[in-house]
Amino acid sequence: MIIADENIDRNIINELRKLHPDILSIGESYPGISDEEIINLPITSNKIIVTEDKDFGEWVFAHQKKNISVVFLRYHHKDKSEIISILKSLFLKNLDELEGKFITITTKKVRIRNIN
């Protein structure tokens, strides 16, 4: 399941929902919950958290949370359409391929690190 953190722009969520209509938007469903509460949502399938919050890197690497995948977006507002394009191409893949990964996306590159 793809989870859009509360800081993800509505336009990005709408574009991703064209590919995956069941995206869970924290801003719509659980506004104000903490990062830890997002990580601990009772979702049994692979959780892919799309965020602009670098604290998820700390949860994954320092606190060794293993039950999630993270897509960390780093971009300027003017580059939003380019980021949407990169995200769409990433999410056209089988989502299971993203399991256990920390993916950093910028307009210049996509970096994929194994969490496990």
C-alpha atoms as a PDB file:
ATOM      1  CA  MET A   1       0.000   0.000   0.000  1.00  0.00           C
ATOM      2  CA  ILE A   2       1.228   3.480  -0.851  1.00  0.00           C
ATOM      3  CA  ILE A   3       0.908   6.019   1.948  1.00  0.00           C
ATOM      4  CA  ALA A   4       1.264   9.717   1.139  1.00  0.00           C
ATOM      5  CA  ASP A   5       2.594  11.601   4.148  1.00  0.00           C
ATOM      6  CA  GLU A   6       0.758  14.742   5.219  1.00  0.00           C
ATOM      7  CA  ASN A   7       3.414  16.944   3.570  1.00  0.00           C
ATOM      8  CA  ILE A   8       2.843  15.552   0.068  1.00  0.00           C
ATOM      9  CA  ASP A   9       1.277  18.028  -2.346  1.00  0.00           C
ATOM     10  CA  ARG A  10      -2.320  17.294  -3.358  1.00  0.00           C
ATOM     11  CA  ASN A  11      -1.382  17.386  -7.076  1.00  0.00           C
ATOM     12  CA  ILE A  12       1.203  14.651  -6.530  1.00  0.00           C
ATOM     13  CA  ILE A  13      -1.358  12.495  -4.714  1.00  0.00           C
ATOM     14  CA  ASN A  14      -3.947  13.017  -7.461  1.00  0.00           C
ATOM     15  CA  GLU A  15      -1.467  12.046 -10.181  1.00  0.00           C
ATOM     16  CA  LEU A  16      -0.356   8.928  -8.301  1.00  0.00           C
ATOM     17  CA  ARG A  17      -3.992   7.916  -7.735  1.00  0.00           C
ATOM     18  CA  LYS A  18      -4.349   7.634 -11.512  1.00  0.00           C
ATOM     19  CA  LEU A  19      -2.009   4.632 -11.217  1.00  0.00           C
ATOM     20  CA  HIS A  20      -2.941   3.422  -7.730  1.00  0.00           C
ATOM     21  CA  PRO A  21      -6.420   4.635  -6.698  1.00  0.00           C
ATOM     22  CA  ASP A  22      -6.104   3.165  -3.199  1.00  0.00           C
ATOM     23  CA  ILE A  23      -3.309   5.509  -2.050  1.00  0.00           C
ATOM     24  CA  LEU A  24      -3.798   6.423   1.596  1.00  0.00           C
ATOM     25  CA  SER A  25      -3.383  10.148   2.183  1.00  0.00           C
ATOM     26  CA  ILE A  26      -2.430  10.893   5.786  1.00  0.00           C
ATOM     27  CA  GLY A  27      -3.680  14.468   5.365  1.00  0.00           C
ATOM     28  CA  GLU A  28      -7.133  13.181   4.385  1.00  0.00           C
ATOM     29  CA  SER A  29      -7.459  10.178   6.688  1.00  0.00           C
ATOM     30  CA  TYR A  30      -5.241  10.783   9.728  1.00  0.00           C
ATOM     31  CA  PRO A  31      -4.234  14.458   9.867  1.00  0.00           C
ATOM     32  CA  GLY A  32      -1.720  15.305  12.558  1.00  0.00           C
ATOM     33  CA  ILE A  33      -0.510  11.802  13.391  1.00  0.00           C
ATOM     34  CA  SER A  34       3.179  11.315  14.127  1.00  0.00           C
ATOM     35  CA  ASP A  35       5.761   9.633  11.907  1.00  0.00           C
ATOM     36  CA  GLU A  36       5.850   6.704  14.321  1.00  0.00           C
ATOM     37  CA  GLU A  37       2.072   6.323  14.104  1.00  0.00           C
ATOM     38  CA  ILE A  38       2.330   6.291  10.304  1.00  0.00           C
ATOM     39  CA  ILE A  39       4.985   3.576  10.471  1.00  0.00           C
ATOM     40  CA  ASN A  40       2.828   1.554  12.866  1.00  0.00           C
ATOM     41  CA  LEU A  41      -0.409   1.760  10.859  1.00  0.00           C
ATOM     42  CA  PRO A  42      -1.898  -1.752  10.803  1.00  0.00           C
ATOM     43  CA  ILE A  43      -1.301  -2.438   7.131  1.00  0.00           C
ATOM     44  CA  THR A  44      -0.277  -5.986   6.389  1.00  0.00           C
ATOM     45  CA  SER A  45       1.073  -5.521   2.873  1.00  0.00           C
ATOM     46  CA  ASN A  46       4.260  -3.651   2.006  1.00  0.00           C
ATOM     47  CA  LYS A  47       3.972  -0.057   3.244  1.00  0.00           C
ATOM     48  CA  ILE A  48       5.524   2.427   0.854  1.00  0.00           C
ATOM     49  CA  ILE A  49       5.600   5.845   2.494  1.00  0.00           C
ATOM     50  CA  VAL A  50       5.991   8.796   0.133  1.00  0.00           C
ATOM     51  CA  THR A  51       7.304  11.762   2.102  1.00  0.00           C
ATOM     52  CA  GLU A  52       9.293  14.970   2.087  1.00  0.00           C
ATOM     53  CA  ASP A  53      10.217  14.410   5.748  1.00  0.00           C
ATOM     54  CA  LYS A  54      13.854  13.362   6.207  1.00  0.00           C
ATOM     55  CA  ASP A  55      13.000  12.039   9.686  1.00  0.00           C
ATOM     56  CA  PHE A  56      11.813   8.817   8.046  1.00  0.00           C
ATOM     57  CA  GLY A  57      15.464   8.158   7.192  1.00  0.00           C
ATOM     58  CA  GLU A  58      16.232   8.257  10.896  1.00  0.00           C
ATOM     59  CA  TRP A  59      13.378   5.849  11.640  1.00  0.00           C
ATOM     60  CA  VAL A  60      14.644   3.424   9.034  1.00  0.00           C
ATOM     61  CA  PHE A  61      18.391   3.595   9.612  1.00  0.00           C
ATOM     62  CA  ALA A  62      18.878   4.700  13.244  1.00  0.00           C
ATOM     63  CA  HIS A  63      15.829   2.982  14.731  1.00  0.00           C
ATOM     64  CA  GLN A  64      16.050   0.072  12.268  1.00  0.00           C
ATOM     65  CA  LYS A  65      12.370  -0.017  11.326  1.00  0.00           C
ATOM     66  CA  LYS A  66      12.145  -2.827   8.803  1.00  0.00           C
ATOM     67  CA  ASN A  67       8.432  -3.109   8.009  1.00  0.00           C
ATOM     68  CA  ILE A  68       8.331  -0.175   5.586  1.00  0.00           C
ATOM     69  CA  SER A  69       9.701   1.236   2.380  1.00  0.00           C
ATOM     70  CA  VAL A  70      10.255   4.971   1.984  1.00  0.00           C
ATOM     71  CA  VAL A  71      10.228   7.217  -1.068  1.00  0.00           C
ATOM     72  CA  PHE A  72      11.847  10.481   0.038  1.00  0.00           C
ATOM     73  CA  LEU A  73      11.238  13.447  -2.259  1.00  0.00           C
ATOM     74  CA  ARG A  74      13.676  16.351  -2.479  1.00  0.00           C
ATOM     75  CA  TYR A  75      12.677  19.055  -4.940  1.00  0.00           C
ATOM     76  CA  HIS A  76      11.851  22.712  -5.446  1.00  0.00           C
ATOM     77  CA  HIS A  77       8.205  23.590  -6.007  1.00  0.00           C
ATOM     78  CA  LYS A  78       8.976  24.636  -9.599  1.00  0.00           C
ATOM     79  CA  ASP A  79      10.164  21.062 -10.311  1.00  0.00           C
ATOM     80  CA  LYS A  80       6.958  19.374  -9.132  1.00  0.00           C
ATOM     81  CA  SER A  81       5.883  18.159 -12.588  1.00  0.00           C
ATOM     82  CA  GLU A  82       9.274  16.523 -13.124  1.00  0.00           C
ATOM     83  CA  ILE A  83       9.052  14.790  -9.723  1.00  0.00           C
ATOM     84  CA  ILE A  84       5.542  13.561 -10.583  1.00  0.00           C
ATOM     85  CA  SER A  85       6.880  12.075 -13.815  1.00  0.00           C
ATOM     86  CA  ILE A  86       9.701  10.272 -11.978  1.00  0.00           C
ATOM     87  CA  LEU A  87       7.287   8.978  -9.325  1.00  0.00           C
ATOM     88  CA  LYS A  88       4.849   7.704 -11.929  1.00  0.00           C
ATOM     89  CA  SER A  89       7.585   5.758 -13.702  1.00  0.00           C
ATOM     90  CA  LEU A  90       8.707   4.306 -10.354  1.00  0.00           C
ATOM     91  CA  PHE A  91       5.184   3.240  -9.409  1.00  0.00           C
ATOM     92  CA  LEU A  92       4.535   1.628 -12.793  1.00  0.00           C
ATOM     93  CA  LYS A  93       6.850  -1.139 -11.578  1.00  0.00           C
ATOM     94  CA  ASN A  94       5.670  -4.023  -9.471  1.00  0.00           C
ATOM     95  CA  LEU A  95       5.391  -2.475  -6.007  1.00  0.00           C
ATOM     96  CA  ASP A  96       6.909  -5.609  -4.476  1.00  0.00           C
ATOM     97  CA  GLU A  97      10.208  -4.608  -6.132  1.00  0.00           C
ATOM     98  CA  LEU A  98      10.249  -1.539  -3.873  1.00  0.00           C
ATOM     99  CA  GLU A  99       9.842  -3.527  -0.664  1.00  0.00           C
ATOM    100  CA  GLY A 100      12.588  -2.944   1.896  1.00  0.00           C
ATOM    101  CA  LYS A 101      14.020   0.073   0.054  1.00  0.00           C
ATOM    102  CA  PHE A 102      14.752   3.687   0.958  1.00  0.00           C
ATOM    103  CA  ILE A 103      14.445   5.625  -2.275  1.00  0.00           C
ATOM    104  CA  THR A 104      15.550   9.236  -2.562  1.00  0.00           C
ATOM    105  CA  ILE A 105      14.215  11.101  -5.573  1.00  0.00           C
ATOM    106  CA  THR A 106      15.553  14.399  -6.873  1.00  0.00           C
ATOM    107  CA  THR A 107      15.242  15.887 -10.334  1.00  0.00           C
ATOM    108  CA  LYS A 108      18.813  14.771 -11.025  1.00  0.00           C
ATOM    109  CA  LYS A 109      18.784  11.177  -9.766  1.00  0.00           C
ATOM    110  CA  VAL A 110      17.003   8.341  -8.029  1.00  0.00           C
ATOM    111  CA  ARG A 111      18.994   6.657  -5.272  1.00  0.00           C
ATOM    112  CA  ILE A 112      17.833   3.262  -3.992  1.00  0.00           C
ATOM    113  CA  ARG A 113      19.215   1.811  -0.763  1.00  0.00           C
ATOM    114  CA  ASN A 114      18.298  -1.492   0.837  1.00  0.00           C
ATOM    115  CA  ILE A 115      16.832  -1.198   4.307  1.00  0.00           C
ATOM    116  CA  ASN A 116      17.060  -4.860   5.263  1.00  0.00           C
END
